[in-house]
């Protein structure tokens, strides 16, 4: 009698699988999304710059571009000019007003939601005569800044207290360097 290694023993053929039990329906109830607080404000902080500011900034970019051209070539110069152009556009075009909403599931900015799971804490700040609501995020870029109306600060604080803690993050070295540099420019 020879054994074939590819045959299945008779006992395995007789074994029957037990039917699977149907899954129990989930007892977790999903709550529909509802607004807690909403407001309309500009899309970003805005400040018009005067002529002295632009002349100083253009001189700084020209000197840095010359040094970069000598060291590295034309590509960093193109990058510096592009960033200057972007900054000019953002400083001359007023932002449009958009609707912000705090919901039971997260923060909605122009109907795009950021969930509470991506935020760790919040605080209030000020930039360019604009009041800001700042959220620390676990994703890149790390912060979400919303322009608010100053009269809405207490209502926002109450609406956010159920979801996040109010605690200001310490300034990073990059924040400190940017503040120092912005104070050195005219018009600030």
N, C-alpha and C. Protein backbone atom coordinates (compact mmCIF):
# COMPACT_ATOMS: atom_id res chain seq x y z
N UNK A 1 0.84 -1.16 0.00
CA UNK A 1 0.00 0.00 0.00
C UNK A 1 0.89 1.24 0.00
N UNK A 2 0.63 2.12 -0.92
CA UNK A 2 1.43 3.33 -1.00
C UNK A 2 0.62 4.52 -0.48
N UNK A 3 1.34 5.42 0.09
CA UNK A 3 0.70 6.62 0.62
C UNK A 3 0.91 7.78 -0.34
N UNK A 4 -0.17 8.45 -0.64
CA UNK A 4 -0.07 9.65 -1.46
C UNK A 4 -0.06 10.84 -0.50
N UNK A 5 0.92 11.69 -0.64
CA UNK A 5 1.04 12.81 0.30
C UNK A 5 0.01 13.89 0.04
N UNK A 6 -0.66 13.80 -1.08
CA UNK A 6 -1.64 14.84 -1.42
C UNK A 6 -3.07 14.44 -1.10
N UNK A 7 -3.30 13.31 -0.52
CA UNK A 7 -4.66 12.91 -0.17
C UNK A 7 -5.00 13.40 1.21
N UNK A 8 -6.27 13.66 1.42
CA UNK A 8 -6.74 14.17 2.69
C UNK A 8 -7.22 13.00 3.52
N UNK A 9 -6.82 12.90 4.77
CA UNK A 9 -7.29 11.79 5.59
C UNK A 9 -8.81 11.80 5.71
N UNK A 10 -9.37 10.67 5.92
CA UNK A 10 -10.82 10.51 5.97
C UNK A 10 -11.43 11.28 7.13
N UNK A 11 -10.70 11.37 8.26
CA UNK A 11 -11.24 12.09 9.41
C UNK A 11 -11.44 13.57 9.10
N UNK A 12 -10.55 14.19 8.35
CA UNK A 12 -10.66 15.60 8.04
C UNK A 12 -11.85 15.87 7.14
N UNK A 13 -12.17 14.90 6.27
CA UNK A 13 -13.31 15.08 5.39
C UNK A 13 -14.61 15.05 6.18
N UNK A 14 -14.64 14.29 7.24
CA UNK A 14 -15.86 14.13 8.02
C UNK A 14 -16.13 15.32 8.93
N UNK A 15 -15.08 16.10 9.25
CA UNK A 15 -15.24 17.23 10.15
C UNK A 15 -16.09 18.31 9.47
N UNK A 16 -17.11 18.75 10.14
CA UNK A 16 -17.96 19.79 9.58
C UNK A 16 -17.73 21.08 10.35
N UNK A 17 -17.83 22.19 9.62
CA UNK A 17 -17.69 23.50 10.27
C UNK A 17 -19.00 23.87 10.91
N UNK A 18 -18.89 24.51 12.08
CA UNK A 18 -20.08 25.01 12.77
C UNK A 18 -20.52 26.30 12.09
N UNK A 19 -21.81 26.49 11.98
CA UNK A 19 -22.27 27.75 11.37
C UNK A 19 -21.93 28.93 12.28
N UNK A 20 -21.55 30.06 11.68
CA UNK A 20 -21.22 31.26 12.44
C UNK A 20 -22.48 31.90 13.00
N UNK A 21 -22.38 32.43 14.21
CA UNK A 21 -23.50 33.13 14.80
C UNK A 21 -23.60 34.52 14.17
N UNK A 22 -24.80 34.99 13.97
CA UNK A 22 -24.91 36.35 13.42
C UNK A 22 -24.41 37.36 14.44
N UNK A 23 -23.77 38.42 13.96
CA UNK A 23 -23.22 39.44 14.85
C UNK A 23 -24.35 40.20 15.53
N UNK A 24 -24.13 40.52 16.80
CA UNK A 24 -25.13 41.28 17.54
C UNK A 24 -25.12 42.72 17.06
N UNK A 25 -26.26 43.31 16.98
CA UNK A 25 -26.27 44.73 16.59
C UNK A 25 -25.59 45.56 17.67
N UNK A 26 -24.90 46.60 17.24
CA UNK A 26 -24.18 47.47 18.16
C UNK A 26 -25.16 48.25 19.03
N UNK A 27 -24.85 48.33 20.31
CA UNK A 27 -25.71 49.07 21.22
C UNK A 27 -25.28 50.53 21.30
N UNK A 28 -24.16 50.86 20.67
CA UNK A 28 -23.65 52.22 20.67
C UNK A 28 -24.53 53.09 19.77
N UNK A 29 -24.98 54.17 20.31
CA UNK A 29 -25.87 55.05 19.58
C UNK A 29 -25.07 56.21 19.02
N UNK A 30 -25.17 56.44 17.73
CA UNK A 30 -24.45 57.53 17.09
C UNK A 30 -25.32 58.78 17.15
N UNK A 31 -24.76 59.82 17.72
CA UNK A 31 -25.49 61.07 17.87
C UNK A 31 -25.28 61.93 16.63
N UNK A 32 -26.32 62.53 16.10
CA UNK A 32 -26.13 63.38 14.92
C UNK A 32 -25.34 64.64 15.27
N UNK A 33 -24.67 65.17 14.28
CA UNK A 33 -23.86 66.36 14.50
C UNK A 33 -24.76 67.57 14.69
N UNK A 34 -24.46 68.35 15.73
CA UNK A 34 -25.24 69.56 15.98
C UNK A 34 -24.31 70.71 16.34
N UNK A 35 -24.70 71.90 15.93
CA UNK A 35 -23.91 73.10 16.18
C UNK A 35 -24.04 73.53 17.63
N UNK A 36 -22.89 73.93 18.20
CA UNK A 36 -22.87 74.44 19.57
C UNK A 36 -22.67 75.95 19.56
N UNK A 37 -21.79 76.41 18.65
CA UNK A 37 -21.48 77.84 18.56
C UNK A 37 -21.05 78.13 17.13
N UNK A 38 -21.45 79.27 16.58
CA UNK A 38 -21.02 79.63 15.23
C UNK A 38 -20.81 81.14 15.15
N UNK A 39 -19.94 81.55 14.23
CA UNK A 39 -19.66 82.97 14.01
C UNK A 39 -19.07 83.15 12.61
N UNK A 40 -19.10 84.38 12.15
CA UNK A 40 -18.48 84.73 10.86
C UNK A 40 -17.35 85.71 11.14
N UNK A 41 -16.20 85.46 10.50
CA UNK A 41 -15.02 86.31 10.68
C UNK A 41 -14.13 86.16 9.45
N UNK A 42 -13.13 87.03 9.32
CA UNK A 42 -12.19 86.89 8.19
C UNK A 42 -11.46 85.56 8.23
N UNK A 43 -11.01 85.10 7.08
CA UNK A 43 -10.34 83.81 6.97
C UNK A 43 -8.95 83.78 7.58
N UNK A 44 -8.32 84.94 7.76
CA UNK A 44 -6.97 85.00 8.32
C UNK A 44 -6.75 86.39 8.91
N UNK A 45 -5.77 86.53 9.81
CA UNK A 45 -5.44 87.87 10.31
C UNK A 45 -4.89 88.73 9.15
N UNK A 46 -5.19 90.01 9.17
CA UNK A 46 -4.81 90.87 8.06
C UNK A 46 -4.35 92.22 8.58
N UNK A 47 -3.27 92.74 7.95
CA UNK A 47 -2.78 94.07 8.26
C UNK A 47 -2.17 94.66 7.01
N UNK A 48 -2.62 95.86 6.63
CA UNK A 48 -2.02 96.54 5.48
C UNK A 48 -0.65 97.08 5.89
N UNK A 49 0.29 96.97 4.98
CA UNK A 49 1.66 97.44 5.23
C UNK A 49 1.92 98.72 4.48
N UNK A 50 2.76 99.56 5.07
CA UNK A 50 3.08 100.83 4.41
C UNK A 50 4.32 100.69 3.51
N UNK A 51 4.66 101.78 2.84
CA UNK A 51 5.75 101.79 1.86
C UNK A 51 7.11 101.50 2.51
N UNK A 52 7.35 102.04 3.70
CA UNK A 52 8.63 101.82 4.40
C UNK A 52 8.86 100.34 4.69
N UNK A 53 7.80 99.66 5.07
CA UNK A 53 7.91 98.23 5.35
C UNK A 53 8.37 97.48 4.11
N UNK A 54 7.74 97.77 2.96
CA UNK A 54 8.06 97.04 1.73
C UNK A 54 9.47 97.36 1.23
N UNK A 55 9.91 98.59 1.38
CA UNK A 55 11.28 98.94 0.97
C UNK A 55 12.30 98.20 1.83
N UNK A 56 12.06 98.17 3.14
CA UNK A 56 12.97 97.45 4.04
C UNK A 56 12.99 95.96 3.74
N UNK A 57 11.83 95.38 3.55
CA UNK A 57 11.75 93.95 3.27
C UNK A 57 12.40 93.62 1.93
N UNK A 58 12.21 94.46 0.92
CA UNK A 58 12.82 94.24 -0.38
C UNK A 58 14.35 94.31 -0.28
N UNK A 59 14.86 95.23 0.52
CA UNK A 59 16.32 95.33 0.70
C UNK A 59 16.86 94.08 1.40
N UNK A 60 16.17 93.60 2.41
CA UNK A 60 16.61 92.39 3.12
C UNK A 60 16.62 91.19 2.18
N UNK A 61 15.53 91.02 1.40
CA UNK A 61 15.45 89.89 0.47
C UNK A 61 16.53 90.00 -0.60
N UNK A 62 16.86 91.22 -1.06
CA UNK A 62 17.90 91.41 -2.08
C UNK A 62 19.27 90.99 -1.55
N UNK A 63 19.60 91.39 -0.33
CA UNK A 63 20.90 91.02 0.25
C UNK A 63 20.98 89.51 0.48
N UNK A 64 19.92 88.92 1.04
CA UNK A 64 19.90 87.47 1.27
C UNK A 64 19.96 86.72 -0.05
N UNK A 65 19.27 87.21 -1.07
CA UNK A 65 19.29 86.56 -2.38
C UNK A 65 20.67 86.62 -3.02
N UNK A 66 21.36 87.73 -2.85
CA UNK A 66 22.71 87.85 -3.40
C UNK A 66 23.64 86.83 -2.74
N UNK A 67 23.56 86.72 -1.43
CA UNK A 67 24.39 85.75 -0.71
C UNK A 67 24.04 84.33 -1.14
N UNK A 68 22.75 84.02 -1.23
CA UNK A 68 22.34 82.69 -1.66
C UNK A 68 22.76 82.38 -3.09
N UNK A 69 22.75 83.39 -3.95
CA UNK A 69 23.17 83.18 -5.34
C UNK A 69 24.66 82.83 -5.41
N UNK A 70 25.44 83.51 -4.60
CA UNK A 70 26.89 83.24 -4.58
C UNK A 70 27.16 81.85 -4.03
N UNK A 71 26.45 81.46 -2.98
CA UNK A 71 26.69 80.17 -2.34
C UNK A 71 26.09 79.01 -3.12
N UNK A 72 24.83 79.13 -3.52
CA UNK A 72 24.10 77.98 -4.03
C UNK A 72 23.65 78.08 -5.48
N UNK A 73 23.39 79.26 -5.98
CA UNK A 73 22.94 79.39 -7.37
C UNK A 73 21.60 80.10 -7.44
N UNK A 74 20.90 79.89 -8.53
CA UNK A 74 19.69 80.65 -8.82
C UNK A 74 18.43 80.11 -8.12
N UNK A 75 18.36 78.82 -7.82
CA UNK A 75 17.13 78.22 -7.26
C UNK A 75 16.74 78.85 -5.92
N UNK A 76 17.63 79.03 -4.94
CA UNK A 76 17.22 79.69 -3.69
C UNK A 76 16.77 81.13 -3.89
N UNK A 77 17.32 81.82 -4.89
CA UNK A 77 16.91 83.19 -5.19
C UNK A 77 15.47 83.19 -5.70
N UNK A 78 15.16 82.25 -6.58
CA UNK A 78 13.78 82.15 -7.08
C UNK A 78 12.82 81.85 -5.93
N UNK A 79 13.23 80.99 -5.01
CA UNK A 79 12.40 80.69 -3.84
C UNK A 79 12.18 81.93 -2.99
N UNK A 80 13.22 82.70 -2.74
CA UNK A 80 13.09 83.92 -1.92
C UNK A 80 12.17 84.93 -2.60
N UNK A 81 12.29 85.10 -3.90
CA UNK A 81 11.41 86.03 -4.62
C UNK A 81 9.97 85.53 -4.60
N UNK A 82 9.78 84.23 -4.73
CA UNK A 82 8.42 83.66 -4.68
C UNK A 82 7.78 83.89 -3.32
N UNK A 83 8.54 83.70 -2.24
CA UNK A 83 8.00 83.92 -0.89
C UNK A 83 7.67 85.39 -0.67
N UNK A 84 8.50 86.29 -1.19
CA UNK A 84 8.23 87.72 -1.09
C UNK A 84 6.94 88.07 -1.83
N UNK A 85 6.75 87.49 -3.01
CA UNK A 85 5.53 87.74 -3.78
C UNK A 85 4.31 87.21 -3.04
N UNK A 86 4.38 86.02 -2.48
CA UNK A 86 3.27 85.46 -1.71
C UNK A 86 2.93 86.36 -0.52
N UNK A 87 3.94 86.81 0.20
CA UNK A 87 3.73 87.68 1.35
C UNK A 87 3.09 89.00 0.91
N UNK A 88 3.50 89.53 -0.24
CA UNK A 88 2.92 90.76 -0.77
C UNK A 88 1.43 90.56 -1.08
N UNK A 89 1.10 89.47 -1.73
CA UNK A 89 -0.30 89.21 -2.08
C UNK A 89 -1.14 89.05 -0.81
N UNK A 90 -0.64 88.30 0.17
CA UNK A 90 -1.39 88.09 1.41
C UNK A 90 -1.55 89.38 2.21
N UNK A 91 -0.63 90.34 2.01
CA UNK A 91 -0.69 91.60 2.74
C UNK A 91 -1.50 92.67 2.03
N UNK A 92 -1.86 92.46 0.77
CA UNK A 92 -2.61 93.48 0.05
C UNK A 92 -4.06 93.06 -0.24
N UNK A 93 -4.33 91.78 -0.31
CA UNK A 93 -5.68 91.30 -0.60
C UNK A 93 -6.39 90.98 0.71
N UNK A 94 -7.50 91.68 0.96
CA UNK A 94 -8.25 91.44 2.20
C UNK A 94 -8.88 90.05 2.16
N UNK A 95 -8.86 89.34 3.29
CA UNK A 95 -9.49 88.00 3.32
C UNK A 95 -11.01 88.11 3.32
N UNK A 96 -11.65 87.09 2.79
CA UNK A 96 -13.11 87.07 2.79
C UNK A 96 -13.60 86.55 4.14
N UNK A 97 -14.86 86.88 4.45
CA UNK A 97 -15.46 86.39 5.69
C UNK A 97 -15.98 84.98 5.44
N UNK A 98 -15.68 84.09 6.38
CA UNK A 98 -16.16 82.73 6.29
C UNK A 98 -16.87 82.35 7.59
N UNK A 99 -17.60 81.25 7.54
CA UNK A 99 -18.35 80.81 8.72
C UNK A 99 -17.58 79.73 9.45
N UNK A 100 -17.43 79.93 10.75
CA UNK A 100 -16.80 78.96 11.65
C UNK A 100 -17.90 78.38 12.53
N UNK A 101 -17.80 77.08 12.82
CA UNK A 101 -18.79 76.44 13.70
C UNK A 101 -18.11 75.45 14.63
N UNK A 102 -18.51 75.49 15.89
CA UNK A 102 -18.10 74.49 16.88
C UNK A 102 -19.27 73.51 16.96
N UNK A 103 -19.00 72.23 16.72
CA UNK A 103 -20.05 71.21 16.78
C UNK A 103 -19.69 70.18 17.85
N UNK A 104 -20.57 69.23 18.07
CA UNK A 104 -20.29 68.18 19.04
C UNK A 104 -19.26 67.17 18.51
N UNK A 105 -18.89 67.25 17.26
CA UNK A 105 -17.89 66.35 16.68
C UNK A 105 -16.56 67.02 16.35
N UNK A 106 -16.52 68.34 16.34
CA UNK A 106 -15.27 69.04 16.03
C UNK A 106 -15.51 70.48 15.64
N UNK A 107 -14.55 71.03 14.91
CA UNK A 107 -14.60 72.42 14.46
C UNK A 107 -14.78 72.42 12.95
N UNK A 108 -15.76 73.18 12.47
CA UNK A 108 -16.01 73.28 11.03
C UNK A 108 -15.59 74.67 10.56
N UNK A 109 -14.77 74.67 9.51
CA UNK A 109 -14.33 75.90 8.88
C UNK A 109 -14.79 75.82 7.44
N UNK A 110 -15.77 76.64 7.07
CA UNK A 110 -16.33 76.63 5.71
C UNK A 110 -16.73 75.21 5.31
N UNK A 111 -17.46 74.53 6.18
CA UNK A 111 -18.01 73.18 5.96
C UNK A 111 -16.96 72.08 5.87
N UNK A 112 -15.74 72.31 6.32
CA UNK A 112 -14.73 71.25 6.42
C UNK A 112 -14.43 71.04 7.89
N UNK A 113 -14.67 69.81 8.36
CA UNK A 113 -14.58 69.51 9.79
C UNK A 113 -13.21 68.97 10.18
N UNK A 114 -12.74 69.42 11.34
CA UNK A 114 -11.57 68.87 12.01
C UNK A 114 -12.06 68.27 13.31
N UNK A 115 -11.86 66.96 13.50
CA UNK A 115 -12.42 66.25 14.65
C UNK A 115 -11.67 66.57 15.94
N UNK A 116 -12.38 66.38 17.06
CA UNK A 116 -11.79 66.63 18.38
C UNK A 116 -10.59 65.74 18.64
N UNK A 117 -10.55 64.55 18.06
CA UNK A 117 -9.45 63.62 18.31
C UNK A 117 -8.11 64.16 17.81
N UNK A 118 -8.14 65.11 16.90
CA UNK A 118 -6.90 65.68 16.35
C UNK A 118 -6.42 66.89 17.12
N UNK A 119 -7.17 67.33 18.12
CA UNK A 119 -6.82 68.53 18.90
C UNK A 119 -6.52 68.15 20.34
N UNK A 120 -5.56 68.85 20.94
CA UNK A 120 -5.19 68.55 22.31
C UNK A 120 -5.57 69.65 23.30
N UNK A 121 -5.44 70.92 22.91
CA UNK A 121 -5.77 72.03 23.79
C UNK A 121 -6.05 73.28 22.96
N UNK A 122 -6.55 74.32 23.62
CA UNK A 122 -6.82 75.58 22.93
C UNK A 122 -6.43 76.74 23.81
N UNK A 123 -6.24 77.91 23.18
CA UNK A 123 -5.99 79.15 23.89
C UNK A 123 -6.33 80.31 22.96
N UNK A 124 -6.34 81.50 23.53
CA UNK A 124 -6.64 82.71 22.77
C UNK A 124 -5.37 83.51 22.60
N UNK A 125 -5.24 84.15 21.44
CA UNK A 125 -4.05 84.93 21.13
C UNK A 125 -4.47 86.16 20.34
N UNK A 126 -3.49 86.98 19.97
CA UNK A 126 -3.76 88.20 19.22
C UNK A 126 -2.65 88.41 18.20
N UNK A 127 -3.04 88.77 16.96
CA UNK A 127 -2.08 89.10 15.92
C UNK A 127 -2.72 90.07 14.94
N UNK A 128 -1.98 91.14 14.60
CA UNK A 128 -2.45 92.16 13.64
C UNK A 128 -3.81 92.73 14.02
N UNK A 129 -4.01 93.10 15.24
CA UNK A 129 -5.28 93.63 15.72
C UNK A 129 -6.43 92.64 15.58
N UNK A 130 -6.15 91.36 15.44
CA UNK A 130 -7.19 90.33 15.33
C UNK A 130 -7.09 89.38 16.52
N UNK A 131 -8.23 89.06 17.08
CA UNK A 131 -8.29 88.05 18.13
C UNK A 131 -8.29 86.67 17.47
N UNK A 132 -7.51 85.74 18.02
CA UNK A 132 -7.39 84.40 17.45
C UNK A 132 -7.75 83.34 18.48
N UNK A 133 -8.37 82.29 18.00
CA UNK A 133 -8.58 81.06 18.77
C UNK A 133 -7.61 80.05 18.19
N UNK A 134 -6.70 79.55 19.02
CA UNK A 134 -5.64 78.67 18.54
C UNK A 134 -5.85 77.28 19.13
N UNK A 135 -5.82 76.26 18.26
CA UNK A 135 -5.90 74.87 18.68
C UNK A 135 -4.55 74.22 18.43
N UNK A 136 -4.07 73.45 19.41
CA UNK A 136 -2.87 72.65 19.18
C UNK A 136 -3.32 71.32 18.58
N UNK A 137 -2.68 70.94 17.48
CA UNK A 137 -3.07 69.75 16.73
C UNK A 137 -2.00 68.67 16.87
N UNK A 138 -2.41 67.42 16.69
CA UNK A 138 -1.46 66.31 16.70
C UNK A 138 -0.95 66.02 15.28
N UNK A 139 -1.47 66.75 14.30
CA UNK A 139 -1.04 66.58 12.92
C UNK A 139 -0.21 67.78 12.48
N UNK A 140 0.41 67.67 11.33
CA UNK A 140 1.17 68.78 10.77
C UNK A 140 0.18 69.76 10.18
N UNK A 141 0.24 71.02 10.42
CA UNK A 141 1.34 71.86 10.86
C UNK A 141 1.42 72.06 12.36
N UNK A 142 0.54 71.50 13.15
CA UNK A 142 0.66 71.57 14.59
C UNK A 142 -0.28 72.55 15.26
N UNK A 143 -0.76 73.55 14.51
CA UNK A 143 -1.68 74.53 15.07
C UNK A 143 -2.76 74.88 14.06
N UNK A 144 -3.92 75.20 14.58
CA UNK A 144 -5.04 75.67 13.78
C UNK A 144 -5.47 77.00 14.41
N UNK A 145 -5.40 78.08 13.64
CA UNK A 145 -5.71 79.41 14.14
C UNK A 145 -6.96 79.94 13.46
N UNK A 146 -7.94 80.35 14.25
CA UNK A 146 -9.19 80.88 13.74
C UNK A 146 -9.36 82.31 14.22
N UNK A 147 -9.75 83.20 13.33
CA UNK A 147 -10.03 84.57 13.71
C UNK A 147 -11.40 84.60 14.38
N UNK A 148 -11.49 85.29 15.50
CA UNK A 148 -12.76 85.37 16.23
C UNK A 148 -13.14 86.82 16.45
N UNK A 149 -14.40 87.03 16.78
CA UNK A 149 -14.87 88.35 17.20
C UNK A 149 -14.60 88.47 18.70
N UNK A 150 -14.04 89.58 19.16
CA UNK A 150 -13.71 89.69 20.59
C UNK A 150 -14.88 89.46 21.53
N UNK A 151 -16.10 89.82 21.11
CA UNK A 151 -17.27 89.64 21.98
C UNK A 151 -17.66 88.18 22.15
N UNK A 152 -17.16 87.30 21.27
CA UNK A 152 -17.52 85.87 21.31
C UNK A 152 -16.58 85.03 22.18
N UNK A 153 -15.59 85.65 22.78
CA UNK A 153 -14.56 84.90 23.51
C UNK A 153 -15.13 84.06 24.65
N UNK A 154 -16.02 84.63 25.46
CA UNK A 154 -16.58 83.89 26.59
C UNK A 154 -17.48 82.74 26.12
N UNK A 155 -18.27 82.98 25.09
CA UNK A 155 -19.11 81.91 24.56
C UNK A 155 -18.30 80.76 23.99
N UNK A 156 -17.20 81.09 23.33
CA UNK A 156 -16.32 80.04 22.80
C UNK A 156 -15.67 79.25 23.93
N UNK A 157 -15.24 79.96 24.95
CA UNK A 157 -14.60 79.29 26.09
C UNK A 157 -15.56 78.27 26.72
N UNK A 158 -16.83 78.64 26.88
CA UNK A 158 -17.81 77.73 27.45
C UNK A 158 -18.10 76.55 26.51
N UNK A 159 -18.17 76.82 25.20
CA UNK A 159 -18.47 75.76 24.24
C UNK A 159 -17.33 74.75 24.13
N UNK A 160 -16.10 75.20 24.27
CA UNK A 160 -14.95 74.31 24.13
C UNK A 160 -14.57 73.59 25.41
N UNK A 161 -15.05 74.06 26.55
CA UNK A 161 -14.66 73.49 27.84
C UNK A 161 -15.03 72.02 27.96
N UNK A 162 -16.08 71.56 27.29
CA UNK A 162 -16.48 70.15 27.37
C UNK A 162 -15.59 69.23 26.56
N UNK A 163 -14.78 69.77 25.64
CA UNK A 163 -14.02 68.94 24.72
C UNK A 163 -12.51 69.05 24.87
N UNK A 164 -12.01 70.24 25.22
CA UNK A 164 -10.56 70.46 25.31
C UNK A 164 -10.24 71.29 26.54
N UNK A 165 -8.97 71.25 26.95
CA UNK A 165 -8.54 72.09 28.06
C UNK A 165 -7.99 73.41 27.50
N UNK A 166 -8.16 74.47 28.27
CA UNK A 166 -7.61 75.77 27.88
C UNK A 166 -6.25 75.93 28.53
N UNK A 167 -5.22 75.86 27.71
CA UNK A 167 -3.86 75.95 28.20
C UNK A 167 -2.97 76.40 27.04
N UNK A 168 -2.25 77.48 27.23
CA UNK A 168 -1.40 77.99 26.16
C UNK A 168 -0.11 77.19 26.06
N UNK A 169 0.26 76.82 24.84
CA UNK A 169 1.49 76.08 24.61
C UNK A 169 2.67 77.04 24.73
N UNK A 170 3.79 76.59 25.28
CA UNK A 170 4.95 77.47 25.37
C UNK A 170 5.49 77.79 23.97
N UNK A 171 6.04 78.98 23.83
CA UNK A 171 6.58 79.41 22.54
C UNK A 171 7.81 78.59 22.17
N UNK A 172 7.86 78.14 20.94
CA UNK A 172 9.02 77.39 20.46
C UNK A 172 10.11 78.37 20.07
N UNK A 173 11.30 77.86 19.80
CA UNK A 173 12.41 78.73 19.40
C UNK A 173 12.10 79.40 18.05
N UNK A 174 11.38 78.71 17.18
CA UNK A 174 10.98 79.31 15.90
C UNK A 174 10.00 80.46 16.13
N UNK A 175 9.06 80.30 17.07
CA UNK A 175 8.13 81.37 17.41
C UNK A 175 8.87 82.59 17.96
N UNK A 176 9.84 82.34 18.82
CA UNK A 176 10.61 83.44 19.41
C UNK A 176 11.42 84.18 18.35
N UNK A 177 12.02 83.43 17.42
CA UNK A 177 12.81 84.05 16.35
C UNK A 177 11.91 84.88 15.43
N UNK A 178 10.74 84.36 15.10
CA UNK A 178 9.82 85.10 14.23
C UNK A 178 9.33 86.37 14.92
N UNK A 179 9.04 86.31 16.22
CA UNK A 179 8.62 87.51 16.95
C UNK A 179 9.73 88.55 16.99
N UNK A 180 10.96 88.12 17.24
CA UNK A 180 12.09 89.04 17.29
C UNK A 180 12.28 89.72 15.94
N UNK A 181 12.23 88.94 14.85
CA UNK A 181 12.42 89.50 13.52
C UNK A 181 11.29 90.44 13.14
N UNK A 182 10.06 90.11 13.48
CA UNK A 182 8.93 90.97 13.13
C UNK A 182 8.97 92.30 13.89
N UNK A 183 9.53 92.30 15.09
CA UNK A 183 9.65 93.54 15.84
C UNK A 183 10.71 94.47 15.26
N UNK A 184 11.68 93.91 14.55
CA UNK A 184 12.75 94.70 13.95
C UNK A 184 12.32 95.39 12.66
N UNK A 185 11.27 94.87 12.01
CA UNK A 185 10.80 95.48 10.76
C UNK A 185 9.97 96.74 11.06
N UNK A 186 10.03 97.74 10.18
CA UNK A 186 9.23 98.96 10.41
C UNK A 186 7.74 98.67 10.26
N UNK A 187 6.94 99.43 10.97
CA UNK A 187 5.49 99.29 10.86
C UNK A 187 4.89 98.27 11.80
N UNK A 188 5.69 97.69 12.69
CA UNK A 188 5.15 96.71 13.65
C UNK A 188 5.17 97.26 15.04
